[in-house]
N, C-alpha and C. Protein backbone atom coordinates (compact mmCIF):
# COMPACT_ATOMS: atom_id res chain seq x y z
N MET A 1 137.47 -53.79 6.17
CA MET A 1 137.57 -55.02 5.39
C MET A 1 138.35 -54.70 4.11
N ASN A 2 139.42 -55.45 3.85
CA ASN A 2 140.20 -55.20 2.65
C ASN A 2 139.59 -55.91 1.45
N ARG A 3 140.15 -55.69 0.28
CA ARG A 3 139.61 -56.23 -0.97
C ARG A 3 139.55 -57.76 -0.95
N ASN A 4 140.59 -58.43 -0.44
CA ASN A 4 140.61 -59.90 -0.39
C ASN A 4 139.53 -60.44 0.54
N GLN A 5 139.32 -59.75 1.67
CA GLN A 5 138.27 -60.18 2.59
C GLN A 5 136.89 -60.02 1.96
N LYS A 6 136.68 -58.92 1.22
CA LYS A 6 135.41 -58.72 0.54
C LYS A 6 135.17 -59.80 -0.50
N ALA A 7 136.20 -60.14 -1.27
CA ALA A 7 136.07 -61.19 -2.29
C ALA A 7 135.75 -62.52 -1.63
N ALA A 8 136.45 -62.82 -0.54
CA ALA A 8 136.22 -64.10 0.15
C ALA A 8 134.82 -64.14 0.75
N SER A 9 134.32 -63.01 1.24
CA SER A 9 133.00 -63.01 1.85
C SER A 9 131.90 -63.24 0.82
N GLY A 10 132.17 -62.99 -0.45
CA GLY A 10 131.19 -63.23 -1.51
C GLY A 10 131.16 -64.67 -1.97
N GLN A 11 132.06 -65.48 -1.46
CA GLN A 11 132.13 -66.88 -1.88
C GLN A 11 131.16 -67.73 -1.07
N LYS A 12 130.56 -68.69 -1.73
CA LYS A 12 129.60 -69.59 -1.11
C LYS A 12 130.13 -71.01 -1.13
N ARG A 13 129.48 -71.89 -0.38
CA ARG A 13 129.94 -73.27 -0.27
C ARG A 13 128.76 -74.23 -0.29
N VAL A 14 128.98 -75.39 -0.88
CA VAL A 14 128.04 -76.49 -0.73
C VAL A 14 128.58 -77.36 0.40
N TYR A 15 127.67 -78.14 0.99
CA TYR A 15 128.09 -79.04 2.06
C TYR A 15 127.17 -80.25 2.09
N VAL A 16 127.67 -81.31 2.71
CA VAL A 16 126.91 -82.55 2.85
C VAL A 16 126.97 -82.98 4.31
N ILE A 17 125.81 -83.33 4.86
CA ILE A 17 125.71 -83.77 6.25
C ILE A 17 125.22 -85.22 6.27
N LEU A 18 125.92 -86.03 7.02
CA LEU A 18 125.50 -87.42 7.24
C LEU A 18 124.30 -87.42 8.16
N LEU A 19 123.26 -88.17 7.78
CA LEU A 19 122.05 -88.29 8.60
C LEU A 19 122.00 -89.65 9.27
N ASP A 20 121.49 -89.68 10.47
CA ASP A 20 121.28 -90.93 11.20
C ASP A 20 120.34 -91.80 10.39
N PRO A 21 120.63 -93.10 10.24
CA PRO A 21 119.74 -93.99 9.49
C PRO A 21 118.31 -94.03 10.05
N ALA A 22 118.12 -93.63 11.30
CA ALA A 22 116.78 -93.58 11.90
C ALA A 22 115.85 -92.65 11.13
N VAL A 23 116.42 -91.75 10.32
CA VAL A 23 115.59 -90.84 9.52
C VAL A 23 114.63 -91.63 8.63
N LEU A 24 115.04 -92.82 8.21
CA LEU A 24 114.19 -93.63 7.32
C LEU A 24 112.98 -94.20 8.05
N GLN A 25 113.01 -94.23 9.36
CA GLN A 25 111.89 -94.74 10.15
C GLN A 25 110.94 -93.63 10.60
N ASP A 26 111.33 -92.38 10.39
CA ASP A 26 110.52 -91.24 10.83
C ASP A 26 109.24 -91.18 10.01
N GLN A 27 108.13 -91.12 10.68
CA GLN A 27 106.83 -91.10 10.00
C GLN A 27 106.32 -89.67 9.73
N SER A 28 107.09 -88.67 10.12
CA SER A 28 106.70 -87.29 9.88
C SER A 28 106.61 -87.03 8.38
N ARG A 29 105.49 -86.50 7.96
CA ARG A 29 105.31 -86.19 6.53
C ARG A 29 106.37 -85.19 6.07
N ARG A 30 106.67 -84.23 6.92
CA ARG A 30 107.67 -83.21 6.56
C ARG A 30 109.04 -83.85 6.29
N ILE A 31 109.43 -84.79 7.15
CA ILE A 31 110.71 -85.47 6.98
C ILE A 31 110.66 -86.38 5.75
N LYS A 32 109.62 -87.19 5.64
CA LYS A 32 109.50 -88.11 4.50
C LYS A 32 109.51 -87.37 3.18
N ASN A 33 108.84 -86.21 3.12
CA ASN A 33 108.78 -85.45 1.87
C ASN A 33 110.12 -84.81 1.51
N SER A 34 111.00 -84.66 2.49
CA SER A 34 112.29 -84.04 2.19
C SER A 34 113.32 -85.05 1.68
N LEU A 35 113.04 -86.36 1.83
CA LEU A 35 113.99 -87.39 1.40
C LEU A 35 113.70 -87.82 -0.03
N ARG A 36 114.76 -87.94 -0.82
CA ARG A 36 114.61 -88.43 -2.19
C ARG A 36 115.54 -89.62 -2.36
N SER A 37 115.05 -90.63 -3.05
CA SER A 37 115.90 -91.79 -3.34
C SER A 37 115.54 -92.30 -4.72
N LYS A 38 116.37 -93.14 -5.23
CA LYS A 38 116.08 -93.76 -6.52
C LYS A 38 115.70 -95.21 -6.27
N PRO A 39 115.02 -95.84 -7.22
CA PRO A 39 114.56 -97.20 -6.99
C PRO A 39 115.66 -98.19 -6.61
N LYS A 40 116.85 -98.04 -7.15
CA LYS A 40 117.93 -98.99 -6.85
C LYS A 40 118.96 -98.35 -5.92
N ARG A 41 118.50 -97.96 -4.76
CA ARG A 41 119.39 -97.38 -3.76
C ARG A 41 120.45 -98.38 -3.35
N ASP A 42 121.67 -97.90 -3.15
CA ASP A 42 122.75 -98.74 -2.65
C ASP A 42 122.64 -98.78 -1.13
N PRO A 43 122.30 -99.93 -0.54
CA PRO A 43 122.09 -99.99 0.91
C PRO A 43 123.33 -99.69 1.75
N VAL A 44 124.51 -99.71 1.17
CA VAL A 44 125.70 -99.34 1.94
C VAL A 44 125.92 -97.84 1.96
N LYS A 45 125.25 -97.10 1.10
CA LYS A 45 125.39 -95.64 1.07
C LYS A 45 124.44 -95.02 2.10
N PRO A 46 124.93 -94.02 2.82
CA PRO A 46 124.11 -93.42 3.87
C PRO A 46 123.09 -92.41 3.34
N CYS A 47 122.25 -91.96 4.24
CA CYS A 47 121.34 -90.86 3.97
C CYS A 47 122.11 -89.57 4.25
N VAL A 48 121.95 -88.59 3.38
CA VAL A 48 122.68 -87.33 3.52
C VAL A 48 121.78 -86.15 3.25
N TYR A 49 122.21 -85.00 3.71
CA TYR A 49 121.56 -83.72 3.42
C TYR A 49 122.55 -82.89 2.63
N VAL A 50 122.09 -82.25 1.57
CA VAL A 50 122.93 -81.36 0.75
C VAL A 50 122.40 -79.94 0.90
N GLY A 51 123.31 -79.01 1.17
CA GLY A 51 122.91 -77.62 1.32
C GLY A 51 123.96 -76.68 0.78
N ARG A 52 123.67 -75.38 0.90
CA ARG A 52 124.62 -74.35 0.48
C ARG A 52 124.61 -73.24 1.53
N THR A 53 125.72 -72.52 1.62
CA THR A 53 125.83 -71.48 2.63
C THR A 53 126.87 -70.44 2.25
N GLY A 54 126.74 -69.28 2.84
CA GLY A 54 127.75 -68.24 2.76
C GLY A 54 128.59 -68.21 4.02
N LEU A 55 128.23 -69.03 4.99
CA LEU A 55 128.96 -69.13 6.26
C LEU A 55 130.06 -70.18 6.15
N ALA A 56 130.88 -70.24 7.17
CA ALA A 56 131.79 -71.38 7.30
C ALA A 56 130.89 -72.60 7.46
N VAL A 57 131.23 -73.70 6.81
CA VAL A 57 130.37 -74.88 6.79
C VAL A 57 130.10 -75.41 8.20
N GLN A 58 131.10 -75.45 9.06
CA GLN A 58 130.92 -75.92 10.43
C GLN A 58 129.92 -75.03 11.18
N LYS A 59 129.99 -73.72 10.96
CA LYS A 59 129.05 -72.79 11.60
C LYS A 59 127.64 -73.06 11.10
N ARG A 60 127.49 -73.31 9.81
CA ARG A 60 126.15 -73.60 9.26
C ARG A 60 125.58 -74.88 9.87
N PHE A 61 126.42 -75.90 10.01
CA PHE A 61 125.99 -77.15 10.63
C PHE A 61 125.52 -76.89 12.06
N GLN A 62 126.29 -76.12 12.83
CA GLN A 62 125.90 -75.79 14.20
C GLN A 62 124.58 -75.02 14.24
N ASN A 63 124.37 -74.12 13.28
CA ASN A 63 123.10 -73.40 13.22
C ASN A 63 121.93 -74.37 13.02
N HIS A 64 122.10 -75.34 12.13
CA HIS A 64 121.07 -76.37 11.94
C HIS A 64 120.78 -77.06 13.27
N LYS A 65 121.80 -77.53 13.94
CA LYS A 65 121.64 -78.29 15.18
C LYS A 65 121.04 -77.44 16.31
N ASN A 66 121.32 -76.13 16.27
CA ASN A 66 120.80 -75.23 17.30
C ASN A 66 119.42 -74.68 16.97
N GLY A 67 118.87 -75.07 15.82
CA GLY A 67 117.54 -74.63 15.45
C GLY A 67 117.47 -73.25 14.82
N TYR A 68 118.59 -72.72 14.38
CA TYR A 68 118.61 -71.40 13.74
C TYR A 68 118.64 -71.58 12.23
N LYS A 69 117.58 -71.16 11.57
CA LYS A 69 117.44 -71.33 10.12
C LYS A 69 117.77 -72.78 9.75
N ASP A 70 117.16 -73.67 10.49
CA ASP A 70 117.49 -75.09 10.36
C ASP A 70 116.60 -75.82 9.37
N SER A 71 117.08 -76.96 8.96
CA SER A 71 116.27 -77.95 8.26
C SER A 71 115.85 -78.93 9.35
N PRO A 72 114.57 -79.24 9.47
CA PRO A 72 114.13 -80.17 10.51
C PRO A 72 114.84 -81.52 10.43
N VAL A 73 115.12 -81.99 9.23
CA VAL A 73 115.79 -83.29 9.08
C VAL A 73 117.21 -83.23 9.64
N VAL A 74 117.90 -82.12 9.45
CA VAL A 74 119.27 -81.98 9.98
C VAL A 74 119.24 -81.75 11.48
N LYS A 75 118.32 -80.92 11.94
CA LYS A 75 118.25 -80.66 13.37
C LYS A 75 118.05 -81.96 14.15
N LYS A 76 117.16 -82.82 13.64
CA LYS A 76 116.83 -84.05 14.35
C LYS A 76 117.81 -85.19 14.08
N TYR A 77 118.31 -85.31 12.83
CA TYR A 77 119.08 -86.49 12.44
C TYR A 77 120.51 -86.21 11.98
N GLY A 78 120.92 -84.95 11.91
CA GLY A 78 122.26 -84.64 11.44
C GLY A 78 123.33 -85.14 12.40
N LEU A 79 124.30 -85.89 11.87
CA LEU A 79 125.37 -86.46 12.70
C LEU A 79 126.69 -85.70 12.57
N ARG A 80 127.08 -85.48 11.32
CA ARG A 80 128.37 -84.80 11.10
C ARG A 80 128.46 -84.38 9.64
N LEU A 81 129.40 -83.48 9.39
CA LEU A 81 129.69 -83.08 8.02
C LEU A 81 130.47 -84.20 7.32
N MET A 82 130.34 -84.26 6.00
CA MET A 82 131.07 -85.24 5.18
C MET A 82 131.93 -84.49 4.16
N PRO A 83 133.01 -83.84 4.62
CA PRO A 83 133.81 -83.00 3.72
C PRO A 83 134.40 -83.75 2.54
N GLU A 84 134.56 -85.07 2.66
CA GLU A 84 135.10 -85.84 1.53
C GLU A 84 134.18 -85.79 0.31
N LEU A 85 132.92 -85.39 0.50
CA LEU A 85 131.98 -85.32 -0.62
C LEU A 85 131.83 -83.92 -1.21
N TYR A 86 132.36 -82.89 -0.54
CA TYR A 86 132.13 -81.53 -1.03
C TYR A 86 133.33 -80.59 -0.97
N GLU A 87 134.30 -80.88 -0.13
CA GLU A 87 135.38 -79.93 0.11
C GLU A 87 136.09 -79.49 -1.16
N HIS A 88 136.28 -80.42 -2.09
CA HIS A 88 137.00 -80.12 -3.34
C HIS A 88 136.22 -79.17 -4.25
N LEU A 89 134.95 -78.94 -3.97
CA LEU A 89 134.12 -78.09 -4.82
C LEU A 89 134.12 -76.62 -4.40
N ASN A 90 134.55 -76.33 -3.19
CA ASN A 90 134.40 -75.00 -2.60
C ASN A 90 135.66 -74.18 -2.67
N PRO A 91 135.54 -72.86 -2.56
CA PRO A 91 134.35 -72.01 -2.61
C PRO A 91 133.99 -71.67 -4.06
N MET A 92 132.85 -70.99 -4.23
CA MET A 92 132.41 -70.59 -5.57
C MET A 92 131.45 -69.42 -5.46
N PRO A 93 131.24 -68.70 -6.56
CA PRO A 93 130.28 -67.59 -6.55
C PRO A 93 128.84 -68.10 -6.37
N TYR A 94 127.96 -67.19 -5.98
CA TYR A 94 126.57 -67.54 -5.69
C TYR A 94 125.89 -68.29 -6.83
N GLU A 95 126.00 -67.79 -8.04
CA GLU A 95 125.32 -68.41 -9.18
C GLU A 95 125.76 -69.87 -9.36
N GLU A 96 127.03 -70.13 -9.13
CA GLU A 96 127.55 -71.48 -9.27
C GLU A 96 127.11 -72.38 -8.12
N VAL A 97 127.07 -71.85 -6.91
CA VAL A 97 126.70 -72.69 -5.76
C VAL A 97 125.24 -73.11 -5.83
N VAL A 98 124.38 -72.26 -6.38
CA VAL A 98 122.97 -72.63 -6.54
C VAL A 98 122.84 -73.86 -7.43
N GLN A 99 123.56 -73.83 -8.56
CA GLN A 99 123.52 -74.97 -9.47
C GLN A 99 124.25 -76.19 -8.90
N MET A 100 125.37 -75.95 -8.22
CA MET A 100 126.16 -77.05 -7.66
C MET A 100 125.37 -77.81 -6.60
N GLU A 101 124.57 -77.11 -5.81
CA GLU A 101 123.76 -77.78 -4.79
C GLU A 101 122.84 -78.80 -5.47
N LYS A 102 122.21 -78.40 -6.55
CA LYS A 102 121.32 -79.31 -7.30
C LYS A 102 122.12 -80.45 -7.93
N ASP A 103 123.22 -80.09 -8.57
CA ASP A 103 124.04 -81.10 -9.25
C ASP A 103 124.62 -82.12 -8.28
N LEU A 104 125.10 -81.65 -7.13
CA LEU A 104 125.67 -82.56 -6.14
C LEU A 104 124.60 -83.51 -5.60
N ALA A 105 123.42 -82.99 -5.32
CA ALA A 105 122.32 -83.84 -4.85
C ALA A 105 121.98 -84.90 -5.90
N GLU A 106 121.89 -84.50 -7.14
CA GLU A 106 121.58 -85.45 -8.22
C GLU A 106 122.69 -86.49 -8.39
N HIS A 107 123.93 -86.04 -8.29
CA HIS A 107 125.07 -86.97 -8.40
C HIS A 107 125.02 -88.01 -7.28
N LEU A 108 124.76 -87.56 -6.06
CA LEU A 108 124.70 -88.50 -4.93
C LEU A 108 123.53 -89.46 -5.07
N LEU A 109 122.40 -88.96 -5.54
CA LEU A 109 121.24 -89.84 -5.80
C LEU A 109 121.62 -90.91 -6.82
N ALA A 110 122.26 -90.48 -7.90
CA ALA A 110 122.65 -91.42 -8.95
C ALA A 110 123.66 -92.45 -8.44
N ASP A 111 124.41 -92.05 -7.41
CA ASP A 111 125.42 -92.94 -6.84
C ASP A 111 124.84 -93.85 -5.75
N GLY A 112 123.54 -93.75 -5.48
CA GLY A 112 122.90 -94.67 -4.55
C GLY A 112 122.57 -94.13 -3.17
N TYR A 113 122.85 -92.85 -2.92
CA TYR A 113 122.52 -92.24 -1.63
C TYR A 113 121.04 -91.90 -1.57
N ILE A 114 120.49 -91.77 -0.37
CA ILE A 114 119.20 -91.11 -0.16
C ILE A 114 119.56 -89.69 0.23
N VAL A 115 118.92 -88.71 -0.38
CA VAL A 115 119.32 -87.31 -0.23
C VAL A 115 118.16 -86.45 0.24
N ALA A 116 118.44 -85.59 1.20
CA ALA A 116 117.52 -84.53 1.60
C ALA A 116 118.20 -83.22 1.22
N GLY A 117 117.44 -82.23 0.83
CA GLY A 117 118.00 -80.95 0.42
C GLY A 117 118.27 -80.96 -1.07
N GLY A 118 119.19 -80.09 -1.51
CA GLY A 118 119.52 -80.01 -2.93
C GLY A 118 118.33 -79.53 -3.74
N LYS A 119 117.94 -78.29 -3.47
CA LYS A 119 116.74 -77.69 -4.05
C LYS A 119 116.53 -78.03 -5.51
């Protein structure tokens, strides 16, 4: 592995996954507890999951769907990645991605989304 590959491998990414609207009907306590919304949710905005990874984002999404280190909400309701909400933010060092995951989740909440994830 050369120096550029090592530097690139240390970079992390945030990502956003579109969730099926059926997630709002799920009565599972685990699922319900993972969703956050604000009182004045914008009904045209979808439900999303916000996460972070050191993998390629598509690979991380596939891991969720395959049940490997998955979030139950993504495994059951994840539809697709939403790169228009995160691609411009990536990549970044670990310390930044930890904060960005929280900030992105809060930003989406403030914008009317229902959000799962975003520690």
